[in-house]
Amino acid sequence: MRPRAAKAVRRTVRVVAAAALATGGFMVATAGSAGAVTPARTAWWNEAPLGVLPLPGQVGADQLAVGQGAGGPTAVAAVLYTLSSTDSSDPGQAGATMILPINSGSSVGTAAVVACPITSGEGWAAGGNQPAGSTPKYSCSPGTEVKGVSPDGNSLVFALTPAQQVAGSPGTFNLALVPDPSSSSPFQTVVNSPSGDDFSVSNPPEAGAQPAPTAPASPDQGTSAVAPPAETAPPVDTPFASEPVASAPPALPAPAAPTPTASAPTRAPAGGVVSAAPAVPASSPGFLTGRRQQLLGVWLMIDAGLALAFFGGSADRMPRLLGSLAARRGEHSPAAGVEMGGIGRFARPRSGPPRRL
């Protein structure tokens, strides 16, 4: 009877561990997707004279352009976001942070962009480089416009509030991206179309409310078979009851085991793992190292000394004469044992002291 009771306890612990892992994984998945929203539509309109931008042809299909020239706006863009109960706990009172990455290769000047609610023409068509006549109407009144801030020059950040939502449509952000009316400096800014990670809702759904509907999705016998065997296991067989409890913790951290692959060699104090990595670059010494390098230096010094002694001990050849001077050389040819002095035609036997000047 004792082995059967132990097997029953072990099966119960496995069911509980599987249910915990399944519930925890669902919570992590829902937490990671909460607060990130993808735009429903994006578009931009070419407001430049004759439709010619300062940098024509450099705005991609997945990009938006906003610009200002000497006479007014040259390009205007728009984005549409619609929040639901899965995106925010209260869509009508939701704020958001919108980030637009700047494409520096197609941008000129300092970006001065504001986001203003669209007042008419809400059904604008998505797409880029649309004609100026189809631009929707917008209002940049105080309190409704939001200026884009560029802390690093690589992106524009807009801190949206419920004041930018469409009146009578809770959770709808229908915004026009236009040049700042308070700035008159010409510029052209090209931004990448925002993705789901570029729009973060300020009040996403609470994480505690998500696990409630997931309780029925757990294993059928997980909840009913957990409590009774756990209470009856100690009185049936205490030594076997301690083994399943001790084996449950290793099953939970099993998914986290592969993560410390990159940090294990640096954090682990094991000598075998740490010493194996630096052994690869250190095991390829050069040929001329240590004693061999010293012997090579001594050998080169000896060769240099022998070369100097050989070439320094040989007598210098007398200078050769050219032309008529070579014909007269026989007149002053020195006798055997007579020392010559002077150079060229001034060479004379030096048998006595030189004359005084």
Protein backbone atom coordinates (compact mmCIF):
# COMPACT_ATOMS: atom_id res chain seq x y z
CA MET A 1 0.00 0.00 0.00
CA ARG A 2 2.87 2.39 0.71
CA PRO A 3 4.33 2.31 -2.82
CA ARG A 4 0.90 2.97 -4.32
CA ALA A 5 0.35 5.96 -2.03
CA ALA A 6 3.78 7.39 -2.95
CA LYS A 7 3.01 7.07 -6.67
CA ALA A 8 -0.30 8.87 -6.18
CA VAL A 9 1.43 11.77 -4.38
CA ARG A 10 4.06 12.08 -7.10
CA ARG A 11 1.41 12.22 -9.82
CA THR A 12 -0.46 14.93 -7.93
CA VAL A 13 2.67 17.07 -7.58
CA ARG A 14 3.38 16.76 -11.31
CA VAL A 15 -0.16 17.91 -12.17
CA VAL A 16 0.19 20.93 -9.85
CA ALA A 17 3.57 21.88 -11.37
CA ALA A 18 2.22 21.65 -14.93
CA ALA A 19 -0.78 23.81 -14.05
CA ALA A 20 1.47 26.43 -12.40
CA LEU A 21 3.76 26.61 -15.42
CA ALA A 22 0.84 26.94 -17.83
CA THR A 23 -0.78 29.73 -15.79
CA GLY A 24 2.53 31.60 -15.35
CA GLY A 25 3.33 31.43 -19.07
CA PHE A 26 -0.08 32.85 -19.99
CA MET A 27 0.39 35.71 -17.51
CA VAL A 28 3.78 36.60 -18.98
CA ALA A 29 2.39 36.54 -22.54
CA THR A 30 -0.53 38.82 -21.72
CA ALA A 31 1.69 41.20 -19.72
CA GLY A 32 4.13 41.60 -22.61
CA SER A 33 1.39 42.53 -25.13
CA ALA A 34 -0.58 44.89 -22.88
CA GLY A 35 -0.22 48.61 -23.65
CA ALA A 36 1.26 48.19 -27.17
CA VAL A 37 -1.04 49.23 -30.02
CA THR A 38 -0.51 49.17 -33.79
CA PRO A 39 -1.86 52.13 -35.83
CA ALA A 40 -4.97 51.43 -37.86
CA ARG A 41 -3.90 53.82 -40.67
CA THR A 42 -1.01 56.12 -41.60
CA ALA A 43 -0.65 58.62 -44.44
CA TRP A 44 1.13 61.78 -45.57
CA TRP A 45 0.30 64.53 -48.07
CA ASN A 46 2.65 66.49 -50.31
CA GLU A 47 1.95 70.20 -49.71
CA ALA A 48 5.06 71.51 -51.54
CA PRO A 49 4.60 73.83 -54.54
CA LEU A 50 4.11 71.70 -57.65
CA GLY A 51 4.51 68.65 -55.39
CA VAL A 52 8.32 68.90 -55.33
CA LEU A 53 9.91 68.25 -51.94
CA PRO A 54 13.50 69.32 -51.09
CA LEU A 55 14.46 65.62 -51.15
CA PRO A 56 12.12 63.97 -53.67
CA GLY A 57 12.04 60.20 -53.92
CA GLN A 58 13.63 59.65 -50.51
CA VAL A 59 10.42 58.87 -48.58
CA GLY A 60 9.81 55.12 -48.48
CA ALA A 61 6.51 53.32 -48.62
CA ASP A 62 6.64 52.64 -44.86
CA GLN A 63 7.66 56.20 -43.93
CA LEU A 64 5.95 59.52 -43.25
CA ALA A 65 7.10 63.04 -44.17
CA VAL A 66 6.52 66.34 -42.35
CA GLY A 67 8.11 69.55 -43.63
CA GLN A 68 7.95 73.30 -43.72
CA GLY A 69 9.22 75.74 -46.34
CA ALA A 70 9.42 79.50 -46.65
CA GLY A 71 5.75 79.77 -47.61
CA GLY A 72 4.23 77.23 -45.20
CA PRO A 73 3.92 73.46 -44.76
CA THR A 74 5.44 71.28 -47.47
CA ALA A 75 4.35 67.91 -46.04
CA VAL A 76 1.70 66.81 -43.51
CA ALA A 77 1.17 63.31 -42.05
CA ALA A 78 -1.55 61.57 -40.04
CA VAL A 79 -1.91 58.51 -37.76
CA LEU A 80 -5.00 56.77 -36.42
CA TYR A 81 -5.12 54.66 -33.23
CA THR A 82 -8.23 52.97 -31.82
CA LEU A 83 -8.04 51.57 -28.27
CA SER A 84 -10.26 48.82 -26.91
CA SER A 85 -10.76 47.23 -23.50
CA THR A 86 -7.91 44.83 -24.25
CA ASP A 87 -5.55 47.79 -24.74
CA SER A 88 -6.61 49.98 -21.80
CA SER A 89 -8.58 49.59 -18.61
CA ASP A 90 -10.43 52.84 -19.47
CA PRO A 91 -9.98 53.78 -23.16
CA GLY A 92 -11.85 57.08 -22.79
CA GLN A 93 -9.36 58.30 -20.15
CA ALA A 94 -6.27 56.76 -21.67
CA GLY A 95 -3.08 58.63 -22.46
CA ALA A 96 -0.18 57.28 -24.47
CA THR A 97 3.43 57.82 -25.47
CA MET A 98 3.96 57.82 -29.24
CA ILE A 99 7.51 57.48 -30.62
CA LEU A 100 8.38 58.19 -34.27
CA PRO A 101 11.91 57.09 -35.27
CA ILE A 102 13.63 59.71 -37.48
CA ASN A 103 15.32 58.68 -40.72
CA SER A 104 18.37 60.97 -40.60
CA GLY A 105 19.42 60.15 -44.18
CA SER A 106 16.27 61.75 -45.63
CA SER A 107 15.78 64.57 -43.11
CA VAL A 108 16.98 68.16 -43.39
CA GLY A 109 17.08 70.76 -40.62
CA THR A 110 15.78 70.61 -37.07
CA ALA A 111 12.42 68.88 -36.68
CA ALA A 112 9.62 71.03 -35.23
CA VAL A 113 6.54 68.79 -35.36
CA VAL A 114 3.29 68.90 -33.36
CA ALA A 115 0.42 66.40 -33.13
CA CYS A 116 -3.05 67.98 -33.47
CA PRO A 117 -6.52 66.35 -33.49
CA ILE A 118 -8.18 66.04 -36.90
CA THR A 119 -11.50 67.90 -36.90
CA SER A 120 -12.92 66.90 -40.29
CA GLY A 121 -12.10 64.41 -42.95
CA GLU A 122 -11.71 61.59 -40.43
CA GLY A 123 -12.06 59.01 -43.19
CA TRP A 124 -8.80 59.96 -44.89
CA ALA A 125 -7.19 57.28 -47.04
CA ALA A 126 -3.98 55.55 -46.05
CA GLY A 127 -0.89 55.95 -48.23
CA GLY A 128 1.98 58.30 -48.97
CA ASN A 129 2.66 61.25 -51.27
CA GLN A 130 -1.03 62.11 -51.62
CA PRO A 131 -2.06 65.39 -53.26
CA ALA A 132 -2.56 68.47 -51.13
CA GLY A 133 -6.28 68.77 -51.91
CA SER A 134 -7.13 65.64 -49.90
CA THR A 135 -5.46 66.78 -46.67
CA PRO A 136 -7.85 66.48 -43.67
CA LYS A 137 -8.63 69.51 -41.52
CA TYR A 138 -6.97 69.76 -38.12
CA SER A 139 -6.91 72.13 -35.15
CA CYS A 140 -3.75 73.02 -33.22
CA SER A 141 -5.46 75.07 -30.52
CA PRO A 142 -3.73 75.45 -27.11
CA GLY A 143 -4.34 72.44 -24.90
CA THR A 144 -4.94 70.03 -27.77
CA GLU A 145 -1.61 70.19 -29.62
CA VAL A 146 1.36 68.14 -28.38
CA LYS A 147 4.89 69.05 -29.43
CA GLY A 148 7.27 66.30 -30.43
CA VAL A 149 10.39 66.19 -28.29
CA SER A 150 13.64 64.78 -29.64
CA PRO A 151 15.95 64.08 -26.67
CA ASP A 152 18.62 62.33 -28.75
CA GLY A 153 17.90 63.57 -32.29
CA ASN A 154 16.97 60.05 -33.40
CA SER A 155 13.22 60.06 -32.67
CA LEU A 156 10.23 62.29 -31.89
CA VAL A 157 8.36 61.56 -28.65
CA PHE A 158 4.75 62.73 -28.14
CA ALA A 159 3.12 62.58 -24.69
CA LEU A 160 -0.57 62.19 -25.60
CA THR A 161 -3.43 62.83 -23.17
CA PRO A 162 -7.21 62.23 -23.36
CA ALA A 163 -7.47 65.80 -24.77
CA GLN A 164 -6.13 64.50 -28.11
CA GLN A 165 -8.90 61.89 -28.45
CA VAL A 166 -11.75 62.36 -30.90
CA ALA A 167 -14.78 63.90 -29.19
CA GLY A 168 -17.54 61.34 -28.80
CA SER A 169 -15.28 58.43 -29.71
CA PRO A 170 -13.50 57.20 -26.54
CA GLY A 171 -10.10 55.66 -27.14
CA THR A 172 -9.66 57.07 -30.69
CA PHE A 173 -6.52 59.11 -31.47
CA ASN A 174 -6.92 60.62 -34.97
CA LEU A 175 -3.90 62.93 -35.17
CA ALA A 176 -2.32 65.13 -37.82
CA LEU A 177 1.46 65.55 -37.69
CA VAL A 178 2.18 69.08 -38.90
CA PRO A 179 4.94 71.71 -38.60
CA ASP A 180 4.90 73.69 -35.37
CA PRO A 181 2.98 76.96 -36.05
CA SER A 182 5.25 78.82 -33.61
CA SER A 183 8.38 77.97 -35.65
CA SER A 184 9.25 79.39 -39.07
CA SER A 185 12.55 77.56 -39.72
CA PRO A 186 12.43 75.42 -42.87
CA PHE A 187 12.94 71.68 -42.36
CA GLN A 188 11.96 68.30 -43.73
CA THR A 189 11.64 65.33 -41.38
CA VAL A 190 11.10 61.75 -42.55
CA VAL A 191 10.02 59.26 -39.85
CA ASN A 192 9.38 55.53 -39.95
CA SER A 193 5.76 54.49 -39.61
CA PRO A 194 5.12 53.59 -35.95
CA SER A 195 4.86 49.94 -34.96
CA GLY A 196 3.20 48.31 -31.97
CA ASP A 197 6.24 49.00 -29.76
CA ASP A 198 6.14 52.75 -30.59
CA PHE A 199 2.74 53.40 -28.95
CA SER A 200 2.47 52.63 -25.22
CA VAL A 201 -0.82 53.18 -23.38
CA SER A 202 -0.52 54.84 -19.96
CA ASN A 203 -3.26 52.76 -18.31
CA PRO A 204 -3.14 49.21 -19.73
CA PRO A 205 -5.43 46.53 -18.28
CA GLU A 206 -4.48 45.35 -14.83
CA ALA A 207 -2.40 42.20 -14.82
CA GLY A 208 -4.43 40.73 -11.91
CA ALA A 209 -7.62 40.70 -13.97
CA GLN A 210 -6.21 38.43 -16.68
CA PRO A 211 -5.62 35.16 -14.76
CA ALA A 212 -9.31 34.95 -13.70
CA PRO A 213 -10.69 33.60 -17.01
CA THR A 214 -7.73 31.27 -17.35
CA ALA A 215 -8.69 29.18 -14.30
CA PRO A 216 -11.11 26.88 -16.23
CA ALA A 217 -8.39 26.37 -18.90
CA SER A 218 -6.16 24.53 -16.41
CA PRO A 219 -6.16 20.66 -16.39
CA ASP A 220 -9.52 19.09 -15.53
CA GLN A 221 -8.36 17.18 -12.47
CA GLY A 222 -5.74 19.71 -11.44
CA THR A 223 -7.89 21.62 -8.96
CA SER A 224 -10.01 18.70 -7.69
CA ALA A 225 -7.12 16.30 -7.08
CA VAL A 226 -4.74 18.76 -5.47
CA ALA A 227 -6.13 19.30 -1.98
CA PRO A 228 -7.19 15.77 -0.87
CA PRO A 229 -3.97 13.88 -1.71
CA ALA A 230 -1.78 16.64 -0.23
CA GLU A 231 -3.53 16.38 3.16
CA THR A 232 -3.71 12.56 3.25
CA ALA A 233 -0.13 11.99 2.10
CA PRO A 234 1.62 12.71 5.45
CA PRO A 235 -0.46 10.26 7.55
CA VAL A 236 -0.18 7.46 4.93
CA ASP A 237 3.59 7.50 4.56
CA THR A 238 5.72 10.36 5.89
CA PRO A 239 9.09 9.32 4.36
CA PHE A 240 7.61 9.06 0.85
CA ALA A 241 5.69 12.33 1.24
CA SER A 242 8.91 14.32 1.68
CA GLU A 243 10.41 13.05 -1.62
CA PRO A 244 7.69 14.40 -3.99
CA VAL A 245 7.74 17.81 -2.25
CA ALA A 246 11.51 18.05 -2.68
CA SER A 247 11.30 17.01 -6.36
CA ALA A 248 8.72 19.70 -7.24
CA PRO A 249 11.06 22.79 -7.05
CA PRO A 250 13.55 21.42 -9.65
CA ALA A 251 10.68 21.07 -12.18
CA LEU A 252 9.77 24.80 -11.95
CA PRO A 253 13.18 26.46 -12.64
CA ALA A 254 13.85 24.06 -15.56
CA PRO A 255 12.75 26.60 -18.27
CA ALA A 256 15.11 29.25 -16.82
CA ALA A 257 18.16 26.98 -17.04
CA PRO A 258 19.13 27.83 -20.68
CA THR A 259 19.12 31.62 -20.06
CA PRO A 260 22.49 32.02 -18.22
CA THR A 261 24.47 30.68 -21.19
CA ALA A 262 26.37 33.90 -21.88
CA SER A 263 26.92 34.92 -18.23
CA ALA A 264 27.80 31.45 -16.88
CA PRO A 265 31.50 31.56 -17.90
CA THR A 266 32.01 34.94 -16.18
CA ARG A 267 29.98 34.42 -13.00
CA ALA A 268 30.74 30.78 -12.25
CA PRO A 269 33.93 30.44 -10.13
CA ALA A 270 34.65 26.97 -11.57
CA GLY A 271 38.30 26.80 -12.59
CA GLY A 272 37.81 24.35 -15.47
CA VAL A 273 35.34 26.54 -17.44
CA VAL A 274 37.16 29.85 -16.94
CA SER A 275 40.63 28.54 -17.74
CA ALA A 276 39.53 26.78 -20.94
CA ALA A 277 38.51 30.02 -22.74
CA PRO A 278 41.77 32.05 -22.30
CA ALA A 279 43.83 28.95 -23.08
CA VAL A 280 43.00 29.21 -26.81
CA PRO A 281 44.69 32.59 -27.58
CA ALA A 282 47.53 31.94 -25.14
CA SER A 283 48.50 28.55 -26.62
CA SER A 284 49.90 29.97 -29.91
CA PRO A 285 53.28 31.60 -29.06
CA GLY A 286 55.55 32.87 -31.82
CA PHE A 287 58.68 31.08 -33.02
CA LEU A 288 61.14 33.77 -31.88
CA THR A 289 60.26 34.14 -28.21
CA GLY A 290 62.18 33.77 -25.01
CA ARG A 291 65.58 32.17 -25.30
CA ARG A 292 65.51 31.95 -29.10
CA GLN A 293 65.00 35.69 -29.43
CA GLN A 294 68.01 36.38 -27.18
CA LEU A 295 70.26 34.00 -29.13
CA LEU A 296 69.21 35.60 -32.41
CA GLY A 297 70.12 39.06 -31.10
CA VAL A 298 73.57 37.92 -29.95
CA TRP A 299 74.20 36.22 -33.29
CA LEU A 300 73.27 39.38 -35.23
CA MET A 301 75.61 41.48 -33.07
CA ILE A 302 78.53 39.09 -33.71
CA ASP A 303 77.88 39.17 -37.47
CA ALA A 304 77.81 42.97 -37.45
CA GLY A 305 81.15 43.10 -35.60
CA LEU A 306 82.80 40.68 -38.02
CA ALA A 307 81.52 42.67 -41.02
CA LEU A 308 82.91 45.93 -39.60
CA ALA A 309 86.28 44.32 -38.87
CA PHE A 310 86.51 42.86 -42.39
CA PHE A 311 85.61 45.99 -44.31
CA GLY A 312 87.40 48.38 -41.96
CA GLY A 313 90.74 46.52 -42.18
CA SER A 314 91.01 46.70 -45.99
CA ALA A 315 93.14 49.55 -47.44
CA ASP A 316 91.38 52.32 -49.31
CA ARG A 317 92.16 52.44 -52.98
CA MET A 318 93.77 55.61 -54.23
CA PRO A 319 91.50 57.91 -56.20
CA ARG A 320 91.46 57.34 -59.91
CA LEU A 321 92.45 60.16 -62.25
CA LEU A 322 90.60 61.07 -65.37
CA GLY A 323 91.69 62.55 -68.69
CA SER A 324 95.11 64.26 -68.89
CA LEU A 325 95.69 63.76 -65.20
CA ALA A 326 95.71 60.02 -65.70
CA ALA A 327 98.52 60.36 -68.31
CA ARG A 328 100.72 62.23 -65.85
CA ARG A 329 100.37 59.80 -63.11
CA GLY A 330 103.60 58.07 -64.18
CA GLU A 331 105.63 61.22 -63.51
CA HIS A 332 104.93 61.08 -59.83
CA SER A 333 104.64 57.34 -59.39
CA PRO A 334 106.05 56.62 -55.97
CA ALA A 335 109.03 54.38 -55.48
CA ALA A 336 108.78 51.33 -53.38
CA GLY A 337 108.46 52.22 -49.73
CA VAL A 338 107.82 55.96 -50.36
CA GLU A 339 104.69 57.44 -48.82
CA MET A 340 102.48 59.55 -51.05
CA GLY A 341 100.47 62.51 -49.89
CA GLY A 342 97.84 64.67 -51.54
CA ILE A 343 94.96 63.95 -53.85
CA GLY A 344 94.92 63.73 -57.65
CA ARG A 345 97.42 65.94 -59.40
CA PHE A 346 98.59 67.25 -56.06
CA ALA A 347 99.89 63.84 -55.00
CA ARG A 348 103.67 64.04 -54.17
CA PRO A 349 106.09 61.77 -52.38
CA ARG A 350 106.28 62.70 -48.73
CA SER A 351 109.87 61.91 -47.84
CA GLY A 352 110.30 64.90 -45.59
CA PRO A 353 108.33 67.48 -43.62
CA PRO A 354 106.06 69.78 -45.64
CA ARG A 355 107.26 73.24 -46.65
CA ARG A 356 106.23 76.16 -44.59
CA LEU A 357 103.91 78.66 -46.15
